[in-house]
Amino acid sequence: MEAERRLEALGIVLPRVAAPIANYVQWVQAGQFLYLAGAVPRYNDEFKFLGKVDGELSLEEAYQAARYCTMNHLAMVKQALGDLDRVERVVQLIGYVSSSPGFRQQPKVVDGASDLWVEVYGERGRHVRAALGIAEIARNIPVETIVTLLIRP
């Protein structure tokens, strides 16, 4: 319940896990690893942010969008495992940022996702990472993250 207490202290209520929008599943558990599908800045049925970063969205808005990605990943973990405290370690995070030409601050955007993992799990939330700028994400989404976790039995 430690992770949930930290979320409560942050004033975060996790969203519902959205149904996949294509032919995939939200997570796959393989041994002690939980692989999570891409998460976007959606809260329940509402996309919280849309548009390209540094064109239609500011750096701060994009940072907040990335935090919503982590909220959605945490909701997936809760649904998959039933207990957020079964996360032993956040292993890897890959962040994709829909970027206007010339925008080169993708790492600062993806910090929004990384920072929330660390706020919830402390040192266990630190991870290896890539932050990539790309031309487009489906549905005009500004940020999408993919995460791999090491989990406890």
C-alpha atoms as a PDB file:
ATOM      1  CA  MET A   1       0.000   0.000   0.000  1.00  0.00           C
ATOM      2  CA  GLU A   2       3.053   2.282   0.094  1.00  0.00           C
ATOM      3  CA  ALA A   3       2.769   3.198  -3.597  1.00  0.00           C
ATOM      4  CA  GLU A   4      -0.923   3.972  -3.206  1.00  0.00           C
ATOM      5  CA  ARG A   5      -0.198   6.143  -0.152  1.00  0.00           C
ATOM      6  CA  ARG A   6       2.327   8.102  -2.189  1.00  0.00           C
ATOM      7  CA  LEU A   7      -0.195   8.590  -4.986  1.00  0.00           C
ATOM      8  CA  GLU A   8      -2.765   9.778  -2.459  1.00  0.00           C
ATOM      9  CA  ALA A   9      -0.242  12.228  -0.983  1.00  0.00           C
ATOM     10  CA  LEU A  10       0.330  13.564  -4.509  1.00  0.00           C
ATOM     11  CA  GLY A  11      -3.425  13.981  -4.983  1.00  0.00           C
ATOM     12  CA  ILE A  12      -3.484  11.446  -7.829  1.00  0.00           C
ATOM     13  CA  VAL A  13      -6.463   9.199  -8.476  1.00  0.00           C
ATOM     14  CA  LEU A  14      -5.618   6.646 -11.142  1.00  0.00           C
ATOM     15  CA  PRO A  15      -7.749   6.586 -14.296  1.00  0.00           C
ATOM     16  CA  ARG A  16      -9.652   3.600 -15.616  1.00  0.00           C
ATOM     17  CA  VAL A  17      -7.611   1.420 -17.947  1.00  0.00           C
ATOM     18  CA  ALA A  18      -8.753   2.199 -21.484  1.00  0.00           C
ATOM     19  CA  ALA A  19      -9.530  -0.625 -23.881  1.00  0.00           C
ATOM     20  CA  PRO A  20      -6.878  -1.138 -26.571  1.00  0.00           C
ATOM     21  CA  ILE A  21      -7.552   0.886 -29.732  1.00  0.00           C
ATOM     22  CA  ALA A  22      -6.110  -1.783 -32.049  1.00  0.00           C
ATOM     23  CA  ASN A  23      -5.043  -5.443 -32.073  1.00  0.00           C
ATOM     24  CA  TYR A  24      -2.898  -5.687 -28.923  1.00  0.00           C
ATOM     25  CA  VAL A  25      -3.124  -6.290 -25.182  1.00  0.00           C
ATOM     26  CA  GLN A  26      -2.313  -3.760 -22.454  1.00  0.00           C
ATOM     27  CA  TRP A  27       0.335  -5.879 -20.759  1.00  0.00           C
ATOM     28  CA  VAL A  28       2.179  -9.166 -20.934  1.00  0.00           C
ATOM     29  CA  GLN A  29       3.761 -10.855 -17.938  1.00  0.00           C
ATOM     30  CA  ALA A  30       6.772 -13.017 -18.804  1.00  0.00           C
ATOM     31  CA  GLY A  31       8.392 -14.510 -15.723  1.00  0.00           C
ATOM     32  CA  GLN A  32       9.283 -11.676 -13.376  1.00  0.00           C
ATOM     33  CA  PHE A  33       8.828  -9.002 -16.041  1.00  0.00           C
ATOM     34  CA  LEU A  34       5.700  -7.019 -16.820  1.00  0.00           C
ATOM     35  CA  TYR A  35       5.726  -5.374 -20.248  1.00  0.00           C
ATOM     36  CA  LEU A  36       3.266  -2.505 -20.564  1.00  0.00           C
ATOM     37  CA  ALA A  37       1.778  -1.286 -23.845  1.00  0.00           C
ATOM     38  CA  GLY A  38       2.083   2.344 -24.825  1.00  0.00           C
ATOM     39  CA  ALA A  39       0.277   4.822 -22.585  1.00  0.00           C
ATOM     40  CA  VAL A  40      -0.911   8.257 -23.652  1.00  0.00           C
ATOM     41  CA  PRO A  41      -2.115  11.372 -21.795  1.00  0.00           C
ATOM     42  CA  ARG A  42      -5.685  10.230 -21.380  1.00  0.00           C
ATOM     43  CA  TYR A  43      -7.765  10.339 -18.219  1.00  0.00           C
ATOM     44  CA  ASN A  44     -10.707   7.962 -18.437  1.00  0.00           C
ATOM     45  CA  ASP A  45     -12.407   8.957 -21.703  1.00  0.00           C
ATOM     46  CA  GLU A  46     -10.717  12.336 -22.162  1.00  0.00           C
ATOM     47  CA  PHE A  47      -7.468  13.062 -23.959  1.00  0.00           C
ATOM     48  CA  LYS A  48      -5.907  15.674 -21.667  1.00  0.00           C
ATOM     49  CA  PHE A  49      -3.456  17.037 -24.249  1.00  0.00           C
ATOM     50  CA  LEU A  50      -3.348  16.931 -28.046  1.00  0.00           C
ATOM     51  CA  GLY A  51      -0.948  18.387 -30.591  1.00  0.00           C
ATOM     52  CA  LYS A  52       2.717  18.677 -31.400  1.00  0.00           C
ATOM     53  CA  VAL A  53       5.140  19.774 -28.727  1.00  0.00           C
ATOM     54  CA  ASP A  54       6.581  23.254 -29.288  1.00  0.00           C
ATOM     55  CA  GLY A  55       3.904  23.945 -31.879  1.00  0.00           C
ATOM     56  CA  GLU A  56       0.542  23.479 -30.211  1.00  0.00           C
ATOM     57  CA  LEU A  57       1.804  22.531 -26.731  1.00  0.00           C
ATOM     58  CA  SER A  58       4.365  24.164 -24.477  1.00  0.00           C
ATOM     59  CA  LEU A  59       7.185  22.254 -22.837  1.00  0.00           C
ATOM     60  CA  GLU A  60       5.338  22.423 -19.483  1.00  0.00           C
ATOM     61  CA  GLU A  61       2.108  21.096 -21.003  1.00  0.00           C
ATOM     62  CA  ALA A  62       4.055  18.254 -22.628  1.00  0.00           C
ATOM     63  CA  TYR A  63       5.745  17.463 -19.290  1.00  0.00           C
ATOM     64  CA  GLN A  64       2.283  17.189 -17.692  1.00  0.00           C
ATOM     65  CA  ALA A  65       1.111  15.034 -20.611  1.00  0.00           C
ATOM     66  CA  ALA A  66       3.964  12.624 -19.889  1.00  0.00           C
ATOM     67  CA  ARG A  67       2.858  12.421 -16.236  1.00  0.00           C
ATOM     68  CA  TYR A  68      -0.567  11.295 -17.451  1.00  0.00           C
ATOM     69  CA  CYS A  69       1.183   8.523 -19.388  1.00  0.00           C
ATOM     70  CA  THR A  70       2.660   7.232 -16.122  1.00  0.00           C
ATOM     71  CA  MET A  71      -0.720   7.509 -14.378  1.00  0.00           C
ATOM     72  CA  ASN A  72      -2.144   5.251 -17.075  1.00  0.00           C
ATOM     73  CA  HIS A  73       0.739   2.813 -16.729  1.00  0.00           C
ATOM     74  CA  LEU A  74       0.195   2.677 -12.970  1.00  0.00           C
ATOM     75  CA  ALA A  75      -3.485   1.923 -13.605  1.00  0.00           C
ATOM     76  CA  MET A  76      -2.410  -0.942 -15.897  1.00  0.00           C
ATOM     77  CA  VAL A  77      -0.103  -2.276 -13.171  1.00  0.00           C
ATOM     78  CA  LYS A  78      -2.927  -2.128 -10.620  1.00  0.00           C
ATOM     79  CA  GLN A  79      -5.245  -4.003 -12.976  1.00  0.00           C
ATOM     80  CA  ALA A  80      -2.610  -6.573 -13.984  1.00  0.00           C
ATOM     81  CA  LEU A  81      -1.166  -7.309 -10.542  1.00  0.00           C
ATOM     82  CA  GLY A  82      -3.794  -6.086  -8.085  1.00  0.00           C
ATOM     83  CA  ASP A  83      -1.090  -4.418  -5.976  1.00  0.00           C
ATOM     84  CA  LEU A  84       1.195  -1.552  -6.996  1.00  0.00           C
ATOM     85  CA  ASP A  85       3.718  -2.648  -4.371  1.00  0.00           C
ATOM     86  CA  ARG A  86       4.548  -5.746  -6.401  1.00  0.00           C
ATOM     87  CA  VAL A  87       6.764  -3.532  -8.562  1.00  0.00           C
ATOM     88  CA  GLU A  88      10.344  -4.390  -7.648  1.00  0.00           C
ATOM     89  CA  ARG A  89      11.941  -2.044 -10.174  1.00  0.00           C
ATOM     90  CA  VAL A  90      11.045   0.151 -13.120  1.00  0.00           C
ATOM     91  CA  VAL A  91      13.545  -1.245 -15.612  1.00  0.00           C
ATOM     92  CA  GLN A  92      13.056   0.739 -18.819  1.00  0.00           C
ATOM     93  CA  LEU A  93      10.980   3.620 -20.133  1.00  0.00           C
ATOM     94  CA  ILE A  94      10.830   4.641 -23.778  1.00  0.00           C
ATOM     95  CA  GLY A  95       9.182   7.975 -24.513  1.00  0.00           C
ATOM     96  CA  TYR A  96       8.013   9.174 -27.916  1.00  0.00           C
ATOM     97  CA  VAL A  97       7.367  12.896 -28.306  1.00  0.00           C
ATOM     98  CA  SER A  98       5.456  14.273 -31.302  1.00  0.00           C
ATOM     99  CA  SER A  99       7.710  17.238 -31.977  1.00  0.00           C
ATOM    100  CA  SER A 100       7.592  20.324 -34.146  1.00  0.00           C
ATOM    101  CA  PRO A 101      10.620  20.754 -36.429  1.00  0.00           C
ATOM    102  CA  GLY A 102      13.601  22.060 -34.482  1.00  0.00           C
ATOM    103  CA  PHE A 103      12.320  20.986 -31.055  1.00  0.00           C
ATOM    104  CA  ARG A 104      15.140  19.239 -29.207  1.00  0.00           C
ATOM    105  CA  GLN A 105      13.997  19.042 -25.592  1.00  0.00           C
ATOM    106  CA  GLN A 106      12.384  15.603 -25.696  1.00  0.00           C
ATOM    107  CA  PRO A 107      14.280  14.475 -22.556  1.00  0.00           C
ATOM    108  CA  LYS A 108      12.658  17.301 -20.560  1.00  0.00           C
ATOM    109  CA  VAL A 109       9.220  16.208 -21.773  1.00  0.00           C
ATOM    110  CA  VAL A 110       9.791  12.556 -20.862  1.00  0.00           C
ATOM    111  CA  ASP A 111      11.041  13.674 -17.432  1.00  0.00           C
ATOM    112  CA  GLY A 112       7.341  14.124 -16.638  1.00  0.00           C
ATOM    113  CA  ALA A 113       6.869  10.362 -16.868  1.00  0.00           C
ATOM    114  CA  SER A 114      10.173   9.488 -15.197  1.00  0.00           C
ATOM    115  CA  ASP A 115       9.668  11.927 -12.330  1.00  0.00           C
ATOM    116  CA  LEU A 116       6.323  10.389 -11.389  1.00  0.00           C
ATOM    117  CA  TRP A 117       7.775   6.853 -11.340  1.00  0.00           C
ATOM    118  CA  VAL A 118      10.446   8.103  -8.922  1.00  0.00           C
ATOM    119  CA  GLU A 119       7.898  10.007  -6.810  1.00  0.00           C
ATOM    120  CA  VAL A 120       5.868   6.813  -6.396  1.00  0.00           C
ATOM    121  CA  TYR A 121       8.678   4.252  -6.017  1.00  0.00           C
ATOM    122  CA  GLY A 122      11.762   6.199  -4.942  1.00  0.00           C
ATOM    123  CA  GLU A 123      15.010   4.534  -6.047  1.00  0.00           C
ATOM    124  CA  ARG A 124      13.033   1.546  -7.373  1.00  0.00           C
ATOM    125  CA  GLY A 125      11.459   3.953  -9.854  1.00  0.00           C
ATOM    126  CA  ARG A 126      14.757   4.963 -11.477  1.00  0.00           C
ATOM    127  CA  HIS A 127      15.195   3.364 -14.890  1.00  0.00           C
ATOM    128  CA  VAL A 128      17.093   3.328 -18.149  1.00  0.00           C
ATOM    129  CA  ARG A 129      15.404   5.469 -20.752  1.00  0.00           C
ATOM    130  CA  ALA A 130      15.181   6.757 -24.285  1.00  0.00           C
ATOM    131  CA  ALA A 131      13.398   9.990 -25.225  1.00  0.00           C
ATOM    132  CA  LEU A 132      12.711  10.195 -28.947  1.00  0.00           C
ATOM    133  CA  GLY A 133      11.328  13.002 -31.071  1.00  0.00           C
ATOM    134  CA  ILE A 134       9.073  11.792 -33.861  1.00  0.00           C
ATOM    135  CA  ALA A 135       6.935  13.429 -36.538  1.00  0.00           C
ATOM    136  CA  GLU A 136       3.511  12.059 -35.579  1.00  0.00           C
ATOM    137  CA  ILE A 137       1.678   9.880 -33.076  1.00  0.00           C
ATOM    138  CA  ALA A 138      -1.782   8.492 -33.894  1.00  0.00           C
ATOM    139  CA  ARG A 139      -4.779  10.661 -32.969  1.00  0.00           C
ATOM    140  CA  ASN A 140      -2.591  13.778 -32.595  1.00  0.00           C
ATOM    141  CA  ILE A 141      -1.228  12.485 -29.268  1.00  0.00           C
ATOM    142  CA  PRO A 142       1.792  14.502 -28.049  1.00  0.00           C
ATOM    143  CA  VAL A 143       3.534  11.859 -25.903  1.00  0.00           C
ATOM    144  CA  GLU A 144       3.465   8.076 -25.602  1.00  0.00           C
ATOM    145  CA  THR A 145       5.524   5.975 -23.212  1.00  0.00           C
ATOM    146  CA  ILE A 146       6.303   2.267 -23.018  1.00  0.00           C
ATOM    147  CA  VAL A 147       7.526   0.668 -19.781  1.00  0.00           C
ATOM    148  CA  THR A 148       9.093  -2.596 -18.622  1.00  0.00           C
ATOM    149  CA  LEU A 149       8.898  -3.553 -14.936  1.00  0.00           C
ATOM    150  CA  LEU A 150      10.540  -6.181 -12.747  1.00  0.00           C
ATOM    151  CA  ILE A 151       7.848  -7.548 -10.436  1.00  0.00           C
ATOM    152  CA  ARG A 152       7.690  -9.472  -7.190  1.00  0.00           C
ATOM    153  CA  PRO A 153       5.858 -12.807  -7.009  1.00  0.00           C
END
